[in-house]
């Protein structure tokens, strides 16, 4: 068994993958959402903190609830998507460290009285988990449209009220209408942004 991904797998995940702008009418099997999570959850986070929290909007009624929080440029994208995922982070993730990081449960104390450290850790690691989410979705044949461009406070009130969860970003899921994708944007070359010391 090879320890590297095939060229086809790399293309699926990275080199040929595109950000979905609009979607076809093909629906997503909701069983894929559990499969997606069960794949993405294995990606590493600091102290195995796993702060990401997910809210999947799968019905028209649920998607209508997020519309008032969207910036104008994202409304059509969300409307066309079979599923919209709200990716958030639990600001009290550290409460679960004794379970998730059992060989050093005392690390909970690092964050209990340090809101800044907790906020930085929650945001950083939920963003990492968001990247795993995108890769896992692509691995399962789904197209993704990750986006900012929304009022976080309104989303938090609508979907995470009464919790310690704050929204990070949104990600539409489905099967892309490739004809509606933007042209691929350029990327930096290695020499432009990398140092090898």
Protein backbone atom coordinates (compact mmCIF):
# COMPACT_ATOMS: atom_id res chain seq x y z
CA UNK A 1 0.00 0.00 0.00
CA UNK A 2 1.35 3.41 -1.01
CA UNK A 3 1.81 6.12 1.62
CA UNK A 4 0.93 8.84 -0.89
CA UNK A 5 -2.31 9.83 -2.58
CA UNK A 6 -2.71 9.17 -6.28
CA UNK A 7 -2.69 12.03 -8.75
CA UNK A 8 -6.45 11.56 -9.12
CA UNK A 9 -6.96 11.88 -5.36
CA UNK A 10 -4.80 15.00 -5.21
CA UNK A 11 -6.81 16.48 -8.07
CA UNK A 12 -10.08 15.71 -6.27
CA UNK A 13 -8.94 17.39 -3.08
CA UNK A 14 -6.74 20.20 -4.35
CA UNK A 15 -5.46 20.76 -7.86
CA UNK A 16 -8.76 20.39 -9.75
CA UNK A 17 -11.14 21.17 -6.89
CA UNK A 18 -13.01 24.43 -7.17
CA UNK A 19 -15.00 26.62 -4.82
CA UNK A 20 -18.66 26.14 -5.70
CA UNK A 21 -20.44 29.32 -6.66
CA UNK A 22 -23.88 27.88 -7.51
CA UNK A 23 -25.28 24.36 -7.31
CA UNK A 24 -27.36 21.98 -9.38
CA UNK A 25 -30.72 20.70 -8.14
CA UNK A 26 -29.22 17.34 -7.13
CA UNK A 27 -29.93 16.71 -3.47
CA UNK A 28 -27.39 15.52 -0.90
CA UNK A 29 -27.99 12.27 0.94
CA UNK A 30 -28.18 13.38 4.58
CA UNK A 31 -26.28 10.24 5.64
CA UNK A 32 -23.24 11.92 4.04
CA UNK A 33 -23.25 14.53 6.80
CA UNK A 34 -22.45 11.94 9.45
CA UNK A 35 -19.86 10.36 7.15
CA UNK A 36 -18.32 13.79 6.55
CA UNK A 37 -18.06 14.49 10.27
CA UNK A 38 -16.72 11.01 11.02
CA UNK A 39 -13.92 11.64 8.52
CA UNK A 40 -13.04 15.24 9.39
CA UNK A 41 -12.94 14.66 13.15
CA UNK A 42 -9.62 12.82 12.89
CA UNK A 43 -7.69 15.92 11.82
CA UNK A 44 -5.30 17.20 14.50
CA UNK A 45 -6.05 20.09 16.84
CA UNK A 46 -4.03 21.55 19.69
CA UNK A 47 -4.38 19.30 22.75
CA UNK A 48 -7.07 17.45 20.78
CA UNK A 49 -9.34 20.34 21.76
CA UNK A 50 -11.83 19.78 18.90
CA UNK A 51 -13.64 23.12 19.39
CA UNK A 52 -15.65 23.07 16.14
CA UNK A 53 -19.42 22.89 16.39
CA UNK A 54 -21.55 22.32 13.29
CA UNK A 55 -25.08 23.31 12.42
CA UNK A 56 -26.34 21.89 9.11
CA UNK A 57 -29.19 23.77 7.46
CA UNK A 58 -30.92 21.19 5.27
CA UNK A 59 -34.42 22.57 4.74
CA UNK A 60 -35.75 25.69 3.05
CA UNK A 61 -37.14 26.80 6.41
CA UNK A 62 -33.72 26.53 8.04
CA UNK A 63 -32.01 28.37 5.18
CA UNK A 64 -34.57 31.19 5.40
CA UNK A 65 -33.46 31.77 8.98
CA UNK A 66 -29.93 32.62 7.86
CA UNK A 67 -30.88 34.89 4.96
CA UNK A 68 -31.18 38.12 7.00
CA UNK A 69 -27.59 37.67 8.20
CA UNK A 70 -26.06 37.30 4.73
CA UNK A 71 -24.28 40.00 2.80
CA UNK A 72 -25.95 40.54 -0.57
CA UNK A 73 -23.25 38.74 -2.56
CA UNK A 74 -23.87 35.47 -0.75
CA UNK A 75 -27.66 35.27 -0.94
CA UNK A 76 -27.86 33.49 -4.31
CA UNK A 77 -25.11 31.08 -3.27
CA UNK A 78 -26.95 30.05 -0.14
CA UNK A 79 -30.31 29.87 -1.93
CA UNK A 80 -28.95 27.45 -4.53
CA UNK A 81 -27.18 25.15 -2.04
CA UNK A 82 -28.88 21.95 -0.86
CA UNK A 83 -27.09 22.31 2.48
CA UNK A 84 -25.48 25.16 4.37
CA UNK A 85 -23.12 24.34 7.20
CA UNK A 86 -22.52 26.87 9.94
CA UNK A 87 -19.11 26.17 11.44
CA UNK A 88 -18.62 27.58 14.88
CA UNK A 89 -16.29 27.18 17.83
CA UNK A 90 -17.13 26.45 21.44
CA UNK A 91 -15.55 29.15 23.58
CA UNK A 92 -15.61 26.73 26.53
CA UNK A 93 -13.99 23.86 24.63
CA UNK A 94 -11.60 23.47 27.57
CA UNK A 95 -14.37 21.97 29.69
CA UNK A 96 -13.98 18.83 27.56
CA UNK A 97 -10.18 18.56 27.78
CA UNK A 98 -10.31 15.97 30.59
CA UNK A 99 -12.23 13.74 28.16
CA UNK A 100 -10.40 14.62 24.95
CA UNK A 101 -6.87 15.01 26.38
CA UNK A 102 -6.96 12.49 29.25
CA UNK A 103 -3.21 12.20 29.73
CA UNK A 104 -3.08 15.87 30.81
CA UNK A 105 -6.54 16.84 32.12
CA UNK A 106 -4.99 19.63 34.17
CA UNK A 107 -4.48 21.60 30.92
CA UNK A 108 -8.06 22.74 31.33
CA UNK A 109 -6.70 25.25 33.83
CA UNK A 110 -4.69 27.00 31.10
CA UNK A 111 -7.90 28.40 29.63
CA UNK A 112 -10.37 28.57 32.53
CA UNK A 113 -9.31 32.04 33.64
CA UNK A 114 -7.70 33.26 30.43
CA UNK A 115 -10.38 34.35 27.99
CA UNK A 116 -7.83 35.58 25.44
CA UNK A 117 -6.02 32.26 25.31
CA UNK A 118 -9.32 30.41 25.06
CA UNK A 119 -10.56 32.63 22.24
CA UNK A 120 -7.34 32.28 20.25
CA UNK A 121 -7.27 28.51 20.68
CA UNK A 122 -10.95 28.06 19.86
CA UNK A 123 -10.77 30.17 16.71
CA UNK A 124 -7.48 28.74 15.45
CA UNK A 125 -8.42 25.13 15.93
CA UNK A 126 -11.98 25.46 14.64
CA UNK A 127 -10.51 27.03 11.52
CA UNK A 128 -8.18 24.05 11.17
CA UNK A 129 -11.18 21.78 11.56
CA UNK A 130 -12.99 23.83 8.94
CA UNK A 131 -10.21 23.04 6.48
CA UNK A 132 -10.52 19.34 7.32
CA UNK A 133 -14.27 19.72 6.76
CA UNK A 134 -13.71 21.00 3.22
CA UNK A 135 -11.22 18.27 2.38
CA UNK A 136 -13.47 15.56 3.84
CA UNK A 137 -16.47 16.88 1.88
CA UNK A 138 -14.47 16.82 -1.34
CA UNK A 139 -13.26 13.31 -0.56
CA UNK A 140 -16.92 12.25 -0.37
CA UNK A 141 -17.72 13.81 -3.74
CA UNK A 142 -19.32 17.00 -2.49
CA UNK A 143 -18.55 20.49 -3.71
CA UNK A 144 -18.03 23.27 -1.17
CA UNK A 145 -18.52 27.00 -1.07
CA UNK A 146 -16.81 28.30 2.08
CA UNK A 147 -17.68 31.91 2.82
CA UNK A 148 -17.43 34.84 5.13
CA UNK A 149 -19.71 37.72 4.25
CA UNK A 150 -22.34 37.45 6.97
CA UNK A 151 -23.23 39.05 10.27
CA UNK A 152 -21.70 36.74 12.88
CA UNK A 153 -23.70 38.19 15.75
CA UNK A 154 -27.00 37.55 13.96
CA UNK A 155 -25.99 34.00 13.07
CA UNK A 156 -24.92 33.35 16.67
CA UNK A 157 -28.24 34.65 17.99
CA UNK A 158 -30.24 32.61 15.50
CA UNK A 159 -28.44 29.28 15.76
CA UNK A 160 -26.28 29.28 18.90
CA UNK A 161 -28.27 31.34 21.40
CA UNK A 162 -27.84 30.17 24.98
CA UNK A 163 -24.58 28.37 24.20
CA UNK A 164 -20.89 29.25 24.28
CA UNK A 165 -20.58 28.75 20.51
CA UNK A 166 -19.55 31.56 18.16
CA UNK A 167 -19.76 31.28 14.37
CA UNK A 168 -16.56 31.12 12.34
CA UNK A 169 -17.62 30.69 8.70
CA UNK A 170 -20.29 29.20 6.47
CA UNK A 171 -19.86 26.44 3.91
CA UNK A 172 -22.40 25.53 1.26
CA UNK A 173 -22.49 21.87 0.23
CA UNK A 174 -23.88 20.10 -2.80
CA UNK A 175 -23.04 19.36 -6.41
CA UNK A 176 -21.67 22.36 -8.21
CA UNK A 177 -22.93 23.77 -11.48
CA UNK A 178 -19.43 23.93 -12.92
CA UNK A 179 -20.53 26.36 -15.63
CA UNK A 180 -21.19 28.94 -12.92
CA UNK A 181 -17.79 28.69 -11.23
CA UNK A 182 -15.44 31.62 -11.46
CA UNK A 183 -12.17 31.22 -13.35
CA UNK A 184 -9.51 29.77 -11.10
CA UNK A 185 -7.58 32.46 -9.30
CA UNK A 186 -3.80 32.58 -9.48
CA UNK A 187 -1.59 31.27 -6.70
CA UNK A 188 1.86 32.30 -5.51
CA UNK A 189 4.85 30.29 -6.62
CA UNK A 190 6.99 28.58 -3.99
CA UNK A 191 9.79 31.14 -4.31
CA UNK A 192 7.42 34.03 -3.66
CA UNK A 193 6.22 32.98 -0.24
CA UNK A 194 8.45 30.20 1.11
CA UNK A 195 11.77 30.19 2.93
CA UNK A 196 13.93 27.13 3.46
CA UNK A 197 16.50 27.94 6.13
